[in-house]
Amino acid sequence: MNLQEKIEDGQRINYEEALSLYEMDFFELGKLADTLRQKKHGKKTYFNINRHINPTNICADTCKFCAYAANRKNPNPYTMSHDEIMEIVKNVDANGAKEVHIVSAHNPDTGIDWYLDIFKRIKHEYPEMHIKALTAAEVDFLARYYNKSYDEIIDLMIENGVDSMPGGGAEIFDEKVRDYICKGKVTSDQWMEIHQKWHERGKKI
C-alpha cells in the first residue's frame, strides 16, 4: 500500500512517511488533503468564529520583525483591564463567536495572576467559550520571569480554563537565524518541549 492509499484508508503514517509529505509538491499535498476531507466529510466544510484579543503590547523582548510591541516604531503602549477584555468577550459571544484567541506581548508588569484571572473569569461567565491562549513563547517568558517550570505554567493554564494553545512564537527554527531575529526568546527546542508537554496532557493546539 503506497502512502496516498494509506492516508486515504485512514491509517497512521510513520516518521519517514511524514517527512515525505513535507517534500511533496504543495498542490499534490493539497489534492491529497482534499481527497481525505471529502472521504470523511463529503462536501461539508467546518469553521469556527473566533476573536483575537491582544491584552497588552508592552514587551520585555525586542524581536527585529515585530510591529506589535510598544517600542520606537510603535510608541503607544497599552495594557487592557479585565473589564475591557470581558466587554470584548461579551460582544463576541452575542455575535456568535465560539472561541477567544488571547495572545500578547511579554509584559513584565502584569503578573502571572493577571493572565490566569482573566481566563478563569471568561470560563466562569461563558463556560461554552473555547479559550485558546498563550503561545509557547509566552509560556517560556512566564516560566523564566516567575521562576516556575513549564509544567507548572501549563497546569495553571489548564486549571484556569485554557482549552488550547496557539502555535505562535515559532517564526523560524534555525537557531542561527532565530538568534538574529529574536535573541533571548524561547528557543526552537524549548518551543517543541512546551508543545510536547501540552499534548501529553491530552490538549490540542
Protein backbone atom coordinates (compact mmCIF):
# COMPACT_ATOMS: atom_id res chain seq x y z
CA MET A 1 0.00 0.00 0.00
CA ASN A 2 1.51 3.34 -1.02
CA LEU A 3 1.44 6.49 1.08
CA GLN A 4 -1.60 8.00 -0.63
CA GLU A 5 -3.62 4.81 -0.22
CA LYS A 6 -2.53 4.58 3.40
CA ILE A 7 -3.67 8.11 4.15
CA GLU A 8 -6.95 7.69 2.29
CA ASP A 9 -7.55 4.50 4.27
CA GLY A 10 -7.16 6.45 7.50
CA GLN A 11 -4.05 4.59 8.66
CA ARG A 12 -1.36 6.25 10.75
CA ILE A 13 1.82 7.08 8.90
CA ASN A 14 5.35 6.64 10.20
CA TYR A 15 8.11 9.22 10.64
CA GLU A 16 9.68 8.69 7.21
CA GLU A 17 6.29 8.94 5.50
CA ALA A 18 5.55 12.16 7.35
CA LEU A 19 8.85 13.60 6.08
CA SER A 20 7.90 12.65 2.53
CA LEU A 21 4.74 14.76 2.88
CA TYR A 22 6.97 17.71 3.74
CA GLU A 23 8.85 17.16 0.48
CA MET A 24 5.69 16.64 -1.61
CA ASP A 25 4.64 19.16 -4.24
CA PHE A 26 2.38 21.66 -2.50
CA PHE A 27 -0.50 21.25 -4.94
CA GLU A 28 -0.28 17.46 -4.78
CA LEU A 29 -0.37 17.68 -0.99
CA GLY A 30 -3.46 19.88 -1.25
CA LYS A 31 -5.20 17.38 -3.53
CA LEU A 32 -4.39 14.56 -1.14
CA ALA A 33 -5.74 16.55 1.82
CA ASP A 34 -8.92 17.41 -0.08
CA THR A 35 -9.45 13.78 -1.08
CA LEU A 36 -9.21 12.76 2.55
CA ARG A 37 -11.52 15.60 3.62
CA GLN A 38 -14.19 14.61 1.09
CA LYS A 39 -13.95 10.97 2.11
CA LYS A 40 -14.56 11.90 5.74
CA HIS A 41 -17.00 14.80 5.38
CA GLY A 42 -18.32 14.90 1.82
CA LYS A 43 -18.97 18.46 0.71
CA LYS A 44 -19.22 19.85 4.23
CA THR A 45 -16.77 22.49 5.38
CA TYR A 46 -16.23 23.34 9.03
CA PHE A 47 -15.11 26.60 10.57
CA ASN A 48 -15.33 28.45 13.85
CA ILE A 49 -16.00 32.07 14.64
CA ASN A 50 -13.36 33.50 16.92
CA ARG A 51 -11.96 36.79 18.08
CA HIS A 52 -8.32 37.63 18.68
CA ILE A 53 -7.72 39.65 21.84
CA ASN A 54 -4.29 41.18 22.43
CA PRO A 55 -4.41 42.43 26.04
CA THR A 56 -1.06 44.24 26.15
CA ASN A 57 1.69 45.37 23.80
CA ILE A 58 4.32 46.07 26.45
CA CYS A 59 7.09 43.55 25.87
CA ALA A 60 10.37 42.64 27.53
CA ASP A 61 11.67 41.21 24.25
CA THR A 62 12.74 43.08 21.13
CA CYS A 63 12.23 40.90 18.07
CA LYS A 64 13.52 42.53 14.89
CA PHE A 65 10.41 41.71 12.84
CA CYS A 66 7.82 42.84 15.40
CA ALA A 67 5.43 45.67 14.53
CA TYR A 68 3.18 44.99 17.51
CA ALA A 69 5.16 45.53 20.70
CA ALA A 70 5.49 49.06 22.04
CA ASN A 71 8.86 50.48 21.02
CA ARG A 72 10.27 53.33 18.99
CA LYS A 73 8.29 52.18 15.93
CA ASN A 74 5.09 51.83 17.93
CA PRO A 75 5.27 54.30 20.82
CA ASN A 76 1.74 53.64 22.08
CA PRO A 77 1.94 51.17 24.97
CA TYR A 78 -1.26 49.78 26.44
CA THR A 79 -2.50 47.15 28.87
CA MET A 80 -6.19 46.35 28.88
CA SER A 81 -8.14 45.97 32.10
CA HIS A 82 -10.03 42.77 32.77
CA ASP A 83 -13.28 44.68 32.39
CA GLU A 84 -12.21 45.85 28.92
CA ILE A 85 -11.37 42.28 27.94
CA MET A 86 -14.68 40.99 29.30
CA GLU A 87 -16.58 43.62 27.33
CA ILE A 88 -14.99 42.26 24.15
CA VAL A 89 -15.87 38.70 25.16
CA LYS A 90 -19.45 39.77 25.89
CA ASN A 91 -19.78 41.37 22.46
CA VAL A 92 -18.30 38.47 20.53
CA ASP A 93 -20.42 35.97 22.43
CA ALA A 94 -23.52 37.96 21.49
CA ASN A 95 -22.39 37.78 17.85
CA GLY A 96 -21.97 34.01 17.85
CA ALA A 97 -18.24 33.60 18.45
CA LYS A 98 -17.27 30.23 19.91
CA GLU A 99 -13.62 31.00 20.68
CA VAL A 100 -11.40 33.75 22.00
CA HIS A 101 -7.75 33.69 20.98
CA ILE A 102 -5.72 35.52 23.61
CA VAL A 103 -2.06 36.28 22.89
CA SER A 104 0.04 39.33 23.53
CA ALA A 105 3.44 40.64 24.48
CA HIS A 106 5.79 39.52 27.25
CA ASN A 107 4.75 42.14 29.78
CA PRO A 108 6.92 42.09 32.93
CA ASP A 109 4.50 44.32 34.84
CA THR A 110 1.21 42.43 34.76
CA GLY A 111 1.97 39.39 36.93
CA ILE A 112 1.06 35.81 36.19
CA ASP A 113 -2.24 36.03 38.08
CA TRP A 114 -3.33 38.78 35.68
CA TYR A 115 -3.44 36.16 32.91
CA LEU A 116 -4.89 33.36 34.99
CA ASP A 117 -7.65 35.51 36.49
CA ILE A 118 -8.97 36.61 33.10
CA PHE A 119 -9.02 33.02 31.83
CA LYS A 120 -10.92 31.95 34.95
CA ARG A 121 -13.37 34.84 34.62
CA ILE A 122 -14.11 34.13 30.96
CA LYS A 123 -14.70 30.45 31.64
CA HIS A 124 -16.92 31.25 34.63
CA GLU A 125 -19.11 33.74 32.79
CA TYR A 126 -19.05 31.99 29.39
CA PRO A 127 -18.46 28.28 30.12
CA GLU A 128 -19.05 27.26 26.49
CA MET A 129 -16.49 29.73 25.14
CA HIS A 130 -13.32 28.00 23.94
CA ILE A 131 -10.20 29.74 25.24
CA LYS A 132 -7.12 29.48 23.02
CA ALA A 133 -4.34 31.31 24.80
CA LEU A 134 -0.65 31.85 25.48
CA THR A 135 1.92 30.88 22.90
CA ALA A 136 4.89 28.73 23.85
CA ALA A 137 6.93 31.94 23.79
CA GLU A 138 4.64 33.41 26.44
CA VAL A 139 4.79 30.21 28.50
CA ASP A 140 8.59 30.35 28.38
CA PHE A 141 8.61 34.03 29.39
CA LEU A 142 6.26 33.46 32.32
CA ALA A 143 8.24 30.43 33.48
CA ARG A 144 11.53 32.34 33.41
CA TYR A 145 10.22 35.58 34.85
CA TYR A 146 8.29 33.98 37.70
CA ASN A 147 10.74 31.15 38.39
CA LYS A 148 8.32 28.35 37.54
CA SER A 149 8.68 25.24 35.42
CA TYR A 150 6.94 24.77 32.10
CA ASP A 151 4.84 22.06 33.75
CA GLU A 152 3.69 24.47 36.45
CA ILE A 153 2.69 27.16 33.96
CA ILE A 154 0.86 24.69 31.71
CA ASP A 155 -1.01 23.14 34.64
CA LEU A 156 -2.05 26.60 35.84
CA MET A 157 -3.33 27.44 32.36
CA ILE A 158 -5.44 24.30 32.27
CA GLU A 159 -6.71 24.74 35.83
CA ASN A 160 -7.88 28.24 34.97
CA GLY A 161 -9.76 27.40 31.80
CA VAL A 162 -7.38 27.41 28.82
CA ASP A 163 -8.60 24.84 26.27
CA SER A 164 -5.96 25.00 23.56
CA MET A 165 -2.61 26.62 22.83
CA PRO A 166 -1.85 28.61 19.67
CA GLY A 167 1.26 27.91 17.64
CA GLY A 168 2.69 31.41 17.74
CA GLY A 169 6.27 32.14 18.71
CA ALA A 170 7.73 29.64 16.28
CA GLU A 171 8.84 32.00 13.49
CA ILE A 172 11.98 30.23 12.22
CA PHE A 173 13.52 27.20 13.93
CA ASP A 174 17.01 27.61 12.53
CA GLU A 175 18.81 28.71 15.69
CA LYS A 176 21.34 30.89 13.86
CA VAL A 177 18.55 32.87 12.20
CA ARG A 178 16.44 32.77 15.35
CA ASP A 179 19.28 34.19 17.41
CA TYR A 180 19.49 37.09 14.96
CA ILE A 181 15.78 37.93 14.72
CA CYS A 182 14.60 37.23 18.28
CA LYS A 183 17.58 36.70 20.57
CA GLY A 184 16.53 35.85 24.12
CA LYS A 185 13.13 34.49 23.13
CA VAL A 186 12.13 30.84 23.53
CA THR A 187 14.44 28.56 21.54
CA SER A 188 13.14 26.08 18.97
CA ASP A 189 13.87 23.15 21.31
CA GLN A 190 12.07 24.85 24.16
CA TRP A 191 9.11 25.64 21.90
CA MET A 192 8.87 21.96 20.95
CA GLU A 193 9.24 20.88 24.57
CA ILE A 194 6.36 23.11 25.68
CA HIS A 195 4.06 21.84 22.94
CA GLN A 196 5.02 18.25 23.74
CA LYS A 197 4.09 18.81 27.37
CA TRP A 198 0.80 20.36 26.27
CA HIS A 199 -0.03 17.36 24.07
CA GLU A 200 0.98 14.91 26.80
CA ARG A 201 -1.89 16.33 28.84
CA GLY A 202 -4.30 15.45 26.05
CA LYS A 203 -4.65 19.06 24.96
CA LYS A 204 -4.74 20.39 21.40
CA ILE A 205 -3.36 23.39 19.59
